[in-house]
């Protein structure tokens, strides 16, 4: 699946990379076994003594949000079955990922179904959802996080594509990607 690609230094080059490889992780993780942005971005890492993130980390962190917001007809951001974040082309999402990994809501845990039902009313940030469901403290917070990830992995919810959102804001997958849902036979 890995293909030889050029070095990535800009958002446009990151877009081209995602479209070329079809699916890629955000950060390097050999266990996932797929291409990732971290390995191809050629920007400086944090230098010794430097506070905060280096240019490379800042760029990748921004691009994971900007790519699907600026190019919503071309790029999707979501979680793969391992729970890792990934960017993928909409063609890959439609033809490969969604048909293989979407699961109906009724196959999800009761807590995941409860979160989904709340999101049917309107989009909410992770923090707002936790608070509203009284799950901001441990151990409930851990259960909430697992259920939220379950909904992402099963492609029942997605992060809203908006440059204006400062925090992850969740919407129903079908509200944002109805064309993908409709294009999948038997679902």
N, C-alpha and C. Protein backbone atom coordinates (compact mmCIF):
# COMPACT_ATOMS: atom_id res chain seq x y z
N UNK A 1 0.82 -1.19 0.00
CA UNK A 1 0.00 0.00 0.00
C UNK A 1 0.86 1.25 0.00
N UNK A 2 2.07 1.17 0.54
CA UNK A 2 2.93 2.36 0.56
C UNK A 2 3.43 2.66 -0.84
N UNK A 3 3.32 3.91 -1.21
CA UNK A 3 3.80 4.37 -2.51
C UNK A 3 4.82 5.46 -2.28
N UNK A 4 5.74 5.57 -3.21
CA UNK A 4 6.76 6.61 -3.11
C UNK A 4 6.11 7.95 -3.41
N UNK A 5 6.25 8.89 -2.48
CA UNK A 5 5.70 10.23 -2.69
C UNK A 5 6.77 11.24 -2.32
N UNK A 6 6.56 12.46 -2.78
CA UNK A 6 7.51 13.52 -2.48
C UNK A 6 7.42 13.99 -1.05
N UNK A 7 8.24 14.92 -0.72
CA UNK A 7 8.27 15.51 0.61
C UNK A 7 7.09 16.47 0.76
N UNK A 8 6.52 16.52 1.97
CA UNK A 8 5.37 17.37 2.24
C UNK A 8 5.79 18.52 3.16
N UNK A 9 5.54 19.75 2.69
CA UNK A 9 5.87 20.95 3.48
C UNK A 9 4.70 21.92 3.60
N UNK A 10 3.64 21.71 2.81
CA UNK A 10 2.52 22.65 2.79
C UNK A 10 1.20 21.89 2.88
N UNK A 11 0.13 22.62 3.18
CA UNK A 11 -1.20 22.03 3.23
C UNK A 11 -1.56 21.42 1.87
N UNK A 12 -1.26 22.11 0.79
CA UNK A 12 -1.59 21.59 -0.55
C UNK A 12 -0.82 20.31 -0.84
N UNK A 13 0.42 20.24 -0.41
CA UNK A 13 1.19 19.01 -0.59
C UNK A 13 0.63 17.89 0.28
N UNK A 14 0.15 18.22 1.48
CA UNK A 14 -0.47 17.21 2.35
C UNK A 14 -1.74 16.69 1.69
N UNK A 15 -2.52 17.57 1.08
CA UNK A 15 -3.73 17.16 0.35
C UNK A 15 -3.37 16.18 -0.76
N UNK A 16 -2.36 16.53 -1.54
CA UNK A 16 -1.92 15.66 -2.64
C UNK A 16 -1.48 14.30 -2.10
N UNK A 17 -0.75 14.31 -1.00
CA UNK A 17 -0.29 13.06 -0.39
C UNK A 17 -1.47 12.17 0.01
N UNK A 18 -2.44 12.73 0.71
CA UNK A 18 -3.60 11.94 1.14
C UNK A 18 -4.33 11.37 -0.07
N UNK A 19 -4.52 12.18 -1.10
CA UNK A 19 -5.21 11.71 -2.30
C UNK A 19 -4.41 10.63 -3.01
N UNK A 20 -3.08 10.72 -2.97
CA UNK A 20 -2.22 9.70 -3.60
C UNK A 20 -2.28 8.37 -2.87
N UNK A 21 -2.17 8.39 -1.55
CA UNK A 21 -2.10 7.13 -0.81
C UNK A 21 -3.47 6.57 -0.47
N UNK A 22 -4.51 7.38 -0.52
CA UNK A 22 -5.86 6.91 -0.23
C UNK A 22 -6.22 6.99 1.24
N UNK A 23 -5.35 6.47 2.10
CA UNK A 23 -5.56 6.53 3.55
C UNK A 23 -4.21 6.66 4.22
N UNK A 24 -4.14 7.49 5.25
CA UNK A 24 -2.88 7.63 5.99
C UNK A 24 -3.17 8.00 7.43
N UNK A 25 -2.27 7.57 8.30
CA UNK A 25 -2.35 7.97 9.69
C UNK A 25 -1.84 9.39 9.84
N UNK A 26 -2.02 9.92 11.03
CA UNK A 26 -1.56 11.27 11.31
C UNK A 26 -0.11 11.23 11.79
N UNK A 27 0.14 10.37 12.77
CA UNK A 27 1.48 10.24 13.33
C UNK A 27 2.03 8.86 13.04
N UNK A 28 3.32 8.69 13.17
CA UNK A 28 3.99 7.44 12.86
C UNK A 28 3.66 6.38 13.90
N UNK A 29 3.23 5.22 13.44
CA UNK A 29 2.96 4.09 14.31
C UNK A 29 3.08 2.82 13.48
N UNK A 30 4.18 2.11 13.65
CA UNK A 30 4.46 0.91 12.86
C UNK A 30 3.39 -0.16 13.04
N UNK A 31 2.74 -0.17 14.20
CA UNK A 31 1.72 -1.19 14.46
C UNK A 31 0.51 -1.03 13.55
N UNK A 32 0.25 0.18 13.07
CA UNK A 32 -0.92 0.42 12.23
C UNK A 32 -0.65 -0.07 10.81
N UNK A 33 0.59 0.01 10.36
CA UNK A 33 0.97 -0.52 9.06
C UNK A 33 0.40 0.21 7.86
N UNK A 34 0.34 1.52 7.93
CA UNK A 34 -0.11 2.30 6.78
C UNK A 34 0.73 3.58 6.70
N UNK A 35 0.71 4.22 5.55
CA UNK A 35 1.44 5.49 5.43
C UNK A 35 0.93 6.49 6.46
N UNK A 36 1.75 7.49 6.77
CA UNK A 36 1.32 8.52 7.71
C UNK A 36 1.99 9.84 7.37
N UNK A 37 1.35 10.92 7.80
CA UNK A 37 1.88 12.25 7.53
C UNK A 37 3.23 12.48 8.21
N UNK A 38 3.36 12.00 9.43
CA UNK A 38 4.57 12.27 10.20
C UNK A 38 5.84 11.90 9.42
N UNK A 39 5.81 10.77 8.74
CA UNK A 39 7.00 10.28 8.05
C UNK A 39 7.34 11.05 6.77
N UNK A 40 6.39 11.80 6.22
CA UNK A 40 6.67 12.51 4.96
C UNK A 40 6.76 14.02 5.11
N UNK A 41 6.35 14.54 6.26
CA UNK A 41 6.42 16.00 6.45
C UNK A 41 7.86 16.40 6.74
N UNK A 42 8.36 17.35 5.96
CA UNK A 42 9.74 17.82 6.11
C UNK A 42 9.74 19.24 6.66
N UNK A 43 9.46 19.34 7.95
CA UNK A 43 9.53 20.60 8.67
C UNK A 43 10.31 20.33 9.95
N UNK A 44 10.91 21.37 10.54
CA UNK A 44 11.73 21.14 11.74
C UNK A 44 10.92 20.64 12.94
N UNK A 45 11.50 19.66 13.63
CA UNK A 45 10.95 19.23 14.92
C UNK A 45 11.30 20.27 15.97
N UNK A 46 10.78 20.12 17.16
CA UNK A 46 11.14 21.02 18.26
C UNK A 46 12.63 20.88 18.54
N UNK A 47 13.25 22.00 18.70
CA UNK A 47 14.69 22.02 18.96
C UNK A 47 14.94 21.92 20.46
N UNK A 48 16.09 21.38 20.86
CA UNK A 48 16.40 21.30 22.29
C UNK A 48 16.27 22.68 22.95
N UNK A 49 15.58 22.71 24.07
CA UNK A 49 15.37 23.97 24.80
C UNK A 49 14.18 24.78 24.32
N UNK A 50 13.63 24.42 23.17
CA UNK A 50 12.48 25.14 22.63
C UNK A 50 11.23 24.71 23.37
N UNK A 51 10.37 25.66 23.71
CA UNK A 51 9.12 25.34 24.39
C UNK A 51 8.04 25.05 23.36
N UNK A 52 7.06 24.25 23.75
CA UNK A 52 5.94 23.95 22.86
C UNK A 52 6.32 22.97 21.77
N UNK A 53 5.48 22.95 20.75
CA UNK A 53 5.68 22.04 19.65
C UNK A 53 6.57 22.66 18.59
N UNK A 54 7.26 21.82 17.84
CA UNK A 54 8.04 22.29 16.70
C UNK A 54 7.12 22.54 15.51
N UNK A 55 7.70 23.07 14.45
CA UNK A 55 6.93 23.38 13.24
C UNK A 55 6.23 22.15 12.67
N UNK A 56 6.91 21.02 12.71
CA UNK A 56 6.35 19.79 12.14
C UNK A 56 5.07 19.39 12.87
N UNK A 57 5.13 19.33 14.19
CA UNK A 57 3.97 18.93 14.98
C UNK A 57 2.83 19.93 14.80
N UNK A 58 3.14 21.21 14.83
CA UNK A 58 2.11 22.24 14.66
C UNK A 58 1.41 22.11 13.30
N UNK A 59 2.20 21.89 12.26
CA UNK A 59 1.63 21.79 10.91
C UNK A 59 0.72 20.56 10.81
N UNK A 60 1.19 19.43 11.26
CA UNK A 60 0.39 18.20 11.16
C UNK A 60 -0.89 18.33 11.97
N UNK A 61 -0.79 18.89 13.17
CA UNK A 61 -1.97 19.06 14.03
C UNK A 61 -3.01 19.96 13.36
N UNK A 62 -2.55 21.04 12.73
CA UNK A 62 -3.46 21.94 12.00
C UNK A 62 -4.05 21.24 10.77
N UNK A 63 -3.20 20.57 10.01
CA UNK A 63 -3.64 19.97 8.76
C UNK A 63 -4.69 18.88 8.96
N UNK A 64 -4.62 18.14 10.08
CA UNK A 64 -5.63 17.08 10.29
C UNK A 64 -7.03 17.68 10.39
N UNK A 65 -7.13 18.93 10.83
CA UNK A 65 -8.42 19.63 10.89
C UNK A 65 -8.71 20.40 9.61
N UNK A 66 -7.68 21.03 9.07
CA UNK A 66 -7.86 21.89 7.90
C UNK A 66 -8.18 21.10 6.63
N UNK A 67 -7.52 19.98 6.43
CA UNK A 67 -7.72 19.23 5.19
C UNK A 67 -9.19 18.86 4.95
N UNK A 68 -9.88 18.22 5.92
CA UNK A 68 -11.29 17.90 5.65
C UNK A 68 -12.20 19.13 5.66
N UNK A 69 -11.80 20.20 6.32
CA UNK A 69 -12.62 21.42 6.34
C UNK A 69 -12.49 22.20 5.04
N UNK A 70 -11.28 22.29 4.51
CA UNK A 70 -11.05 23.05 3.28
C UNK A 70 -11.40 22.23 2.04
N UNK A 71 -11.19 20.92 2.12
CA UNK A 71 -11.45 20.03 0.98
C UNK A 71 -12.47 18.95 1.36
N UNK A 72 -13.68 19.34 1.78
CA UNK A 72 -14.64 18.34 2.28
C UNK A 72 -15.12 17.35 1.22
N UNK A 73 -15.03 17.71 -0.04
CA UNK A 73 -15.44 16.79 -1.11
C UNK A 73 -14.32 15.83 -1.48
N UNK A 74 -13.13 16.03 -0.89
CA UNK A 74 -11.97 15.21 -1.26
C UNK A 74 -11.38 14.42 -0.10
N UNK A 75 -11.48 14.95 1.15
CA UNK A 75 -10.75 14.34 2.27
C UNK A 75 -11.66 14.17 3.49
N UNK A 76 -11.54 13.01 4.11
CA UNK A 76 -12.28 12.64 5.32
C UNK A 76 -11.30 12.42 6.46
N UNK A 77 -11.68 12.83 7.66
CA UNK A 77 -10.92 12.55 8.88
C UNK A 77 -11.79 11.68 9.78
N UNK A 78 -11.22 10.61 10.29
CA UNK A 78 -11.97 9.75 11.19
C UNK A 78 -11.07 8.77 11.90
N UNK A 79 -11.69 7.85 12.61
CA UNK A 79 -10.96 6.81 13.34
C UNK A 79 -11.09 5.50 12.58
N UNK A 80 -9.98 4.76 12.53
CA UNK A 80 -10.00 3.44 11.92
C UNK A 80 -10.24 2.41 13.03
N UNK A 81 -10.48 1.15 12.69
CA UNK A 81 -10.83 0.16 13.72
C UNK A 81 -9.84 0.03 14.87
N UNK A 82 -8.58 0.37 14.67
CA UNK A 82 -7.61 0.33 15.78
C UNK A 82 -7.80 1.49 16.75
N UNK A 83 -8.64 2.46 16.38
CA UNK A 83 -8.85 3.64 17.20
C UNK A 83 -7.93 4.79 16.83
N UNK A 84 -7.02 4.57 15.90
CA UNK A 84 -6.11 5.63 15.47
C UNK A 84 -6.81 6.59 14.52
N UNK A 85 -6.40 7.84 14.55
CA UNK A 85 -6.93 8.85 13.65
C UNK A 85 -6.32 8.67 12.27
N UNK A 86 -7.12 8.91 11.24
CA UNK A 86 -6.64 8.77 9.87
C UNK A 86 -7.31 9.81 8.97
N UNK A 87 -6.61 10.15 7.92
CA UNK A 87 -7.14 10.96 6.83
C UNK A 87 -7.28 10.03 5.64
N UNK A 88 -8.34 10.21 4.87
CA UNK A 88 -8.48 9.38 3.68
C UNK A 88 -9.20 10.16 2.59
N UNK A 89 -8.95 9.72 1.37
CA UNK A 89 -9.66 10.34 0.25
C UNK A 89 -11.12 9.94 0.33
N UNK A 90 -11.99 10.80 -0.17
CA UNK A 90 -13.40 10.46 -0.18
C UNK A 90 -13.65 9.24 -1.06
N UNK A 91 -12.86 9.07 -2.11
CA UNK A 91 -13.00 7.88 -2.94
C UNK A 91 -12.70 6.62 -2.12
N UNK A 92 -11.64 6.64 -1.32
CA UNK A 92 -11.31 5.50 -0.47
C UNK A 92 -12.42 5.27 0.57
N UNK A 93 -12.91 6.35 1.16
CA UNK A 93 -13.99 6.23 2.13
C UNK A 93 -15.20 5.55 1.49
N UNK A 94 -15.61 6.00 0.33
CA UNK A 94 -16.80 5.47 -0.34
C UNK A 94 -16.63 4.01 -0.78
N UNK A 95 -15.49 3.73 -1.39
CA UNK A 95 -15.31 2.43 -2.04
C UNK A 95 -14.79 1.33 -1.11
N UNK A 96 -13.98 1.72 -0.13
CA UNK A 96 -13.33 0.73 0.73
C UNK A 96 -13.75 0.81 2.19
N UNK A 97 -13.49 1.95 2.79
CA UNK A 97 -13.60 2.06 4.24
C UNK A 97 -15.04 1.96 4.75
N UNK A 98 -15.92 2.75 4.22
CA UNK A 98 -17.30 2.74 4.72
C UNK A 98 -17.98 1.38 4.51
N UNK A 99 -17.91 0.81 3.32
CA UNK A 99 -18.57 -0.50 3.15
C UNK A 99 -18.02 -1.59 4.08
N UNK A 100 -16.74 -1.54 4.39
CA UNK A 100 -16.12 -2.57 5.24
C UNK A 100 -16.31 -2.33 6.73
N UNK A 101 -16.38 -1.06 7.15
CA UNK A 101 -16.30 -0.77 8.58
C UNK A 101 -17.53 -0.14 9.20
N UNK A 102 -18.49 0.29 8.40
CA UNK A 102 -19.71 0.83 9.00
C UNK A 102 -20.48 -0.30 9.69
N UNK A 103 -20.98 0.00 10.87
CA UNK A 103 -21.85 -0.92 11.60
C UNK A 103 -23.11 -0.16 12.00
N UNK A 104 -24.25 -0.82 11.91
CA UNK A 104 -25.49 -0.14 12.31
C UNK A 104 -25.45 0.24 13.78
N UNK A 105 -26.15 1.29 14.10
CA UNK A 105 -26.20 1.79 15.47
C UNK A 105 -26.67 0.72 16.45
N UNK A 106 -27.60 -0.13 16.05
CA UNK A 106 -28.12 -1.14 16.97
C UNK A 106 -27.09 -2.19 17.36
N UNK A 107 -25.95 -2.21 16.67
CA UNK A 107 -24.85 -3.11 17.04
C UNK A 107 -23.87 -2.44 18.00
N UNK A 108 -24.09 -1.18 18.28
CA UNK A 108 -23.21 -0.43 19.19
C UNK A 108 -23.71 -0.58 20.63
N UNK A 109 -22.82 -0.25 21.56
CA UNK A 109 -23.15 -0.34 22.99
C UNK A 109 -24.30 0.59 23.35
N UNK A 110 -25.00 0.31 24.45
CA UNK A 110 -26.08 1.20 24.88
C UNK A 110 -25.61 2.64 25.11
N UNK A 111 -24.41 2.81 25.67
CA UNK A 111 -23.92 4.17 25.88
C UNK A 111 -23.65 4.87 24.55
N UNK A 112 -23.07 4.16 23.59
CA UNK A 112 -22.85 4.75 22.26
C UNK A 112 -24.19 5.17 21.65
N UNK A 113 -25.20 4.33 21.81
CA UNK A 113 -26.53 4.67 21.28
C UNK A 113 -27.09 5.91 21.97
N UNK A 114 -26.85 6.03 23.26
CA UNK A 114 -27.32 7.20 24.01
C UNK A 114 -26.64 8.49 23.51
N UNK A 115 -25.33 8.41 23.28
CA UNK A 115 -24.59 9.57 22.76
C UNK A 115 -25.13 9.94 21.37
N UNK A 116 -25.33 8.94 20.54
CA UNK A 116 -25.85 9.16 19.19
C UNK A 116 -27.21 9.87 19.25
N UNK A 117 -28.08 9.37 20.12
CA UNK A 117 -29.41 9.96 20.22
C UNK A 117 -29.33 11.43 20.64
N UNK A 118 -28.39 11.76 21.50
CA UNK A 118 -28.21 13.16 21.90
C UNK A 118 -27.74 14.00 20.73
N UNK A 119 -26.85 13.45 19.91
CA UNK A 119 -26.33 14.19 18.76
C UNK A 119 -27.38 14.35 17.65
N UNK A 120 -28.42 13.55 17.69
CA UNK A 120 -29.50 13.72 16.71
C UNK A 120 -30.16 15.09 16.88
N UNK A 121 -30.12 15.63 18.09
CA UNK A 121 -30.75 16.92 18.36
C UNK A 121 -29.94 18.07 17.78
N UNK A 122 -28.64 18.06 18.02
CA UNK A 122 -27.74 19.07 17.44
C UNK A 122 -26.29 18.69 17.73
N UNK A 123 -25.34 19.24 16.95
CA UNK A 123 -23.93 18.95 17.17
C UNK A 123 -23.47 19.45 18.54
N UNK A 124 -22.53 18.71 19.13
CA UNK A 124 -21.95 19.11 20.41
C UNK A 124 -20.47 18.79 20.43
N UNK A 125 -19.73 19.56 21.22
CA UNK A 125 -18.32 19.26 21.44
C UNK A 125 -18.20 18.07 22.39
N UNK A 126 -17.03 17.48 22.42
CA UNK A 126 -16.77 16.37 23.33
C UNK A 126 -17.06 16.78 24.77
N UNK A 127 -16.53 17.94 25.18
CA UNK A 127 -16.72 18.40 26.55
C UNK A 127 -18.18 18.64 26.90
N UNK A 128 -18.92 19.24 25.98
CA UNK A 128 -20.35 19.49 26.22
C UNK A 128 -21.13 18.19 26.34
N UNK A 129 -20.79 17.24 25.50
CA UNK A 129 -21.45 15.93 25.57
C UNK A 129 -21.18 15.25 26.91
N UNK A 130 -19.92 15.26 27.33
CA UNK A 130 -19.55 14.66 28.63
C UNK A 130 -20.35 15.29 29.77
N UNK A 131 -20.37 16.61 29.77
CA UNK A 131 -21.08 17.33 30.84
C UNK A 131 -22.57 17.01 30.82
N UNK A 132 -23.15 17.07 29.64
CA UNK A 132 -24.59 16.85 29.53
C UNK A 132 -25.00 15.44 29.97
N UNK A 133 -24.12 14.48 29.73
CA UNK A 133 -24.41 13.09 30.12
C UNK A 133 -23.87 12.75 31.51
N UNK A 134 -23.35 13.75 32.21
CA UNK A 134 -22.77 13.56 33.55
C UNK A 134 -21.67 12.50 33.55
N UNK A 135 -20.75 12.63 32.59
CA UNK A 135 -19.68 11.65 32.46
C UNK A 135 -18.32 12.33 32.37
N UNK A 136 -18.16 13.44 33.07
CA UNK A 136 -16.92 14.21 33.00
C UNK A 136 -15.85 13.68 33.95
N UNK A 137 -16.25 12.90 34.95
CA UNK A 137 -15.30 12.39 35.95
C UNK A 137 -15.08 10.90 35.73
N UNK A 138 -13.87 10.45 36.13
CA UNK A 138 -13.56 9.01 36.04
C UNK A 138 -14.38 8.25 37.06
N UNK A 139 -14.81 7.04 36.82
CA UNK A 139 -14.55 6.19 35.66
C UNK A 139 -15.52 6.42 34.50
N UNK A 140 -16.56 7.23 34.73
CA UNK A 140 -17.54 7.48 33.67
C UNK A 140 -16.90 8.11 32.43
N UNK A 141 -15.91 8.95 32.66
CA UNK A 141 -15.23 9.61 31.53
C UNK A 141 -14.59 8.58 30.61
N UNK A 142 -13.98 7.54 31.17
CA UNK A 142 -13.37 6.49 30.36
C UNK A 142 -14.42 5.74 29.54
N UNK A 143 -15.55 5.44 30.15
CA UNK A 143 -16.64 4.77 29.44
C UNK A 143 -17.15 5.65 28.29
N UNK A 144 -17.29 6.94 28.58
CA UNK A 144 -17.74 7.88 27.57
C UNK A 144 -16.76 7.91 26.39
N UNK A 145 -15.46 8.02 26.70
CA UNK A 145 -14.45 8.08 25.64
C UNK A 145 -14.49 6.83 24.75
N UNK A 146 -14.64 5.66 25.37
CA UNK A 146 -14.73 4.42 24.59
C UNK A 146 -15.96 4.41 23.69
N UNK A 147 -17.09 4.87 24.22
CA UNK A 147 -18.33 4.89 23.43
C UNK A 147 -18.23 5.90 22.28
N UNK A 148 -17.62 7.05 22.54
CA UNK A 148 -17.44 8.06 21.48
C UNK A 148 -16.54 7.50 20.38
N UNK A 149 -15.48 6.82 20.76
CA UNK A 149 -14.59 6.21 19.78
C UNK A 149 -15.33 5.11 19.00
N UNK A 150 -16.14 4.34 19.68
CA UNK A 150 -16.92 3.28 19.02
C UNK A 150 -17.80 3.89 17.93
N UNK A 151 -18.45 5.00 18.21
CA UNK A 151 -19.30 5.65 17.21
C UNK A 151 -18.49 6.16 16.02
N UNK A 152 -17.27 6.61 16.27
CA UNK A 152 -16.41 7.07 15.17
C UNK A 152 -15.94 5.89 14.32
N UNK A 153 -15.48 4.84 14.97
CA UNK A 153 -14.95 3.67 14.27
C UNK A 153 -16.04 3.00 13.44
N UNK A 154 -17.26 2.97 13.94
CA UNK A 154 -18.37 2.33 13.22
C UNK A 154 -19.02 3.28 12.21
N UNK A 155 -18.47 4.48 12.10
CA UNK A 155 -18.93 5.47 11.14
C UNK A 155 -20.40 5.85 11.35
N UNK A 156 -20.74 6.05 12.61
CA UNK A 156 -22.06 6.56 12.97
C UNK A 156 -22.01 8.05 13.30
N UNK A 157 -20.85 8.55 13.73
CA UNK A 157 -20.65 9.98 13.92
C UNK A 157 -19.35 10.38 13.25
N UNK A 158 -19.19 11.67 13.04
CA UNK A 158 -17.96 12.22 12.45
C UNK A 158 -17.70 13.58 13.07
N UNK A 159 -16.44 13.98 13.00
CA UNK A 159 -16.10 15.33 13.45
C UNK A 159 -16.60 16.31 12.39
N UNK A 160 -17.24 17.38 12.84
CA UNK A 160 -17.76 18.37 11.91
C UNK A 160 -16.60 19.05 11.18
N UNK A 161 -16.78 19.24 9.89
CA UNK A 161 -15.78 19.91 9.07
C UNK A 161 -15.99 21.41 9.15
N UNK A 162 -15.31 22.05 10.08
CA UNK A 162 -15.44 23.50 10.22
C UNK A 162 -14.14 24.07 10.76
N UNK A 163 -13.64 25.09 10.10
CA UNK A 163 -12.45 25.77 10.60
C UNK A 163 -12.77 26.64 11.80
N UNK A 164 -14.05 26.91 12.03
CA UNK A 164 -14.45 27.77 13.14
C UNK A 164 -14.54 27.02 14.47
N UNK A 165 -14.63 25.70 14.44
CA UNK A 165 -14.71 24.91 15.68
C UNK A 165 -13.34 24.86 16.34
N UNK A 166 -13.26 25.33 17.57
CA UNK A 166 -12.00 25.25 18.31
C UNK A 166 -11.81 23.87 18.93
N UNK A 167 -12.89 23.19 19.22
CA UNK A 167 -12.84 21.85 19.79
C UNK A 167 -13.58 20.89 18.87
N UNK A 168 -13.24 19.60 18.98
CA UNK A 168 -13.94 18.60 18.17
C UNK A 168 -15.43 18.71 18.44
N UNK A 169 -16.18 18.88 17.37
CA UNK A 169 -17.63 18.98 17.44
C UNK A 169 -18.19 17.84 16.61
N UNK A 170 -19.12 17.09 17.21
CA UNK A 170 -19.59 15.84 16.62
C UNK A 170 -20.96 16.00 15.98
N UNK A 171 -21.09 15.35 14.82
CA UNK A 171 -22.34 15.32 14.07
C UNK A 171 -22.60 13.87 13.67
N UNK A 172 -23.83 13.59 13.29
CA UNK A 172 -24.13 12.27 12.77
C UNK A 172 -23.40 12.10 11.43
N UNK A 173 -22.81 10.95 11.23
CA UNK A 173 -22.10 10.68 9.97
C UNK A 173 -23.03 10.93 8.79
N UNK A 174 -24.26 10.44 8.88
CA UNK A 174 -25.20 10.58 7.77
C UNK A 174 -25.59 12.03 7.49
N UNK A 175 -25.50 12.89 8.48
CA UNK A 175 -25.80 14.31 8.25
C UNK A 175 -24.70 14.98 7.42
N UNK A 176 -23.48 14.57 7.63
CA UNK A 176 -22.35 15.20 6.94
C UNK A 176 -21.97 14.47 5.66
N UNK A 177 -22.24 13.16 5.62
CA UNK A 177 -21.80 12.33 4.48
C UNK A 177 -22.94 11.49 3.93
N UNK A 178 -24.09 12.09 3.73
CA UNK A 178 -25.25 11.36 3.24
C UNK A 178 -24.96 10.69 1.89
N UNK A 179 -24.19 11.35 1.04
CA UNK A 179 -23.85 10.78 -0.25
C UNK A 179 -23.08 9.47 -0.11
N UNK A 180 -22.22 9.36 0.90
CA UNK A 180 -21.47 8.12 1.14
C UNK A 180 -22.42 7.03 1.61
N UNK A 181 -23.32 7.36 2.52
CA UNK A 181 -24.28 6.39 3.02
C UNK A 181 -25.16 5.88 1.89
N UNK A 182 -25.65 6.78 1.09
CA UNK A 182 -26.54 6.40 -0.03
C UNK A 182 -25.82 5.60 -1.11
N UNK A 183 -24.53 5.81 -1.26
CA UNK A 183 -23.77 5.14 -2.31
C UNK A 183 -23.38 3.71 -1.95
N UNK A 184 -23.64 3.32 -0.71
CA UNK A 184 -23.23 1.99 -0.25
C UNK A 184 -24.42 1.04 -0.35
N UNK A 185 -24.33 0.07 -1.26
CA UNK A 185 -25.45 -0.89 -1.42
C UNK A 185 -25.66 -1.71 -0.14
N UNK A 186 -26.91 -1.96 0.16
CA UNK A 186 -27.25 -2.82 1.28
C UNK A 186 -27.16 -2.19 2.65
N UNK A 187 -26.84 -0.90 2.71
CA UNK A 187 -26.74 -0.24 4.03
C UNK A 187 -27.86 0.76 4.15
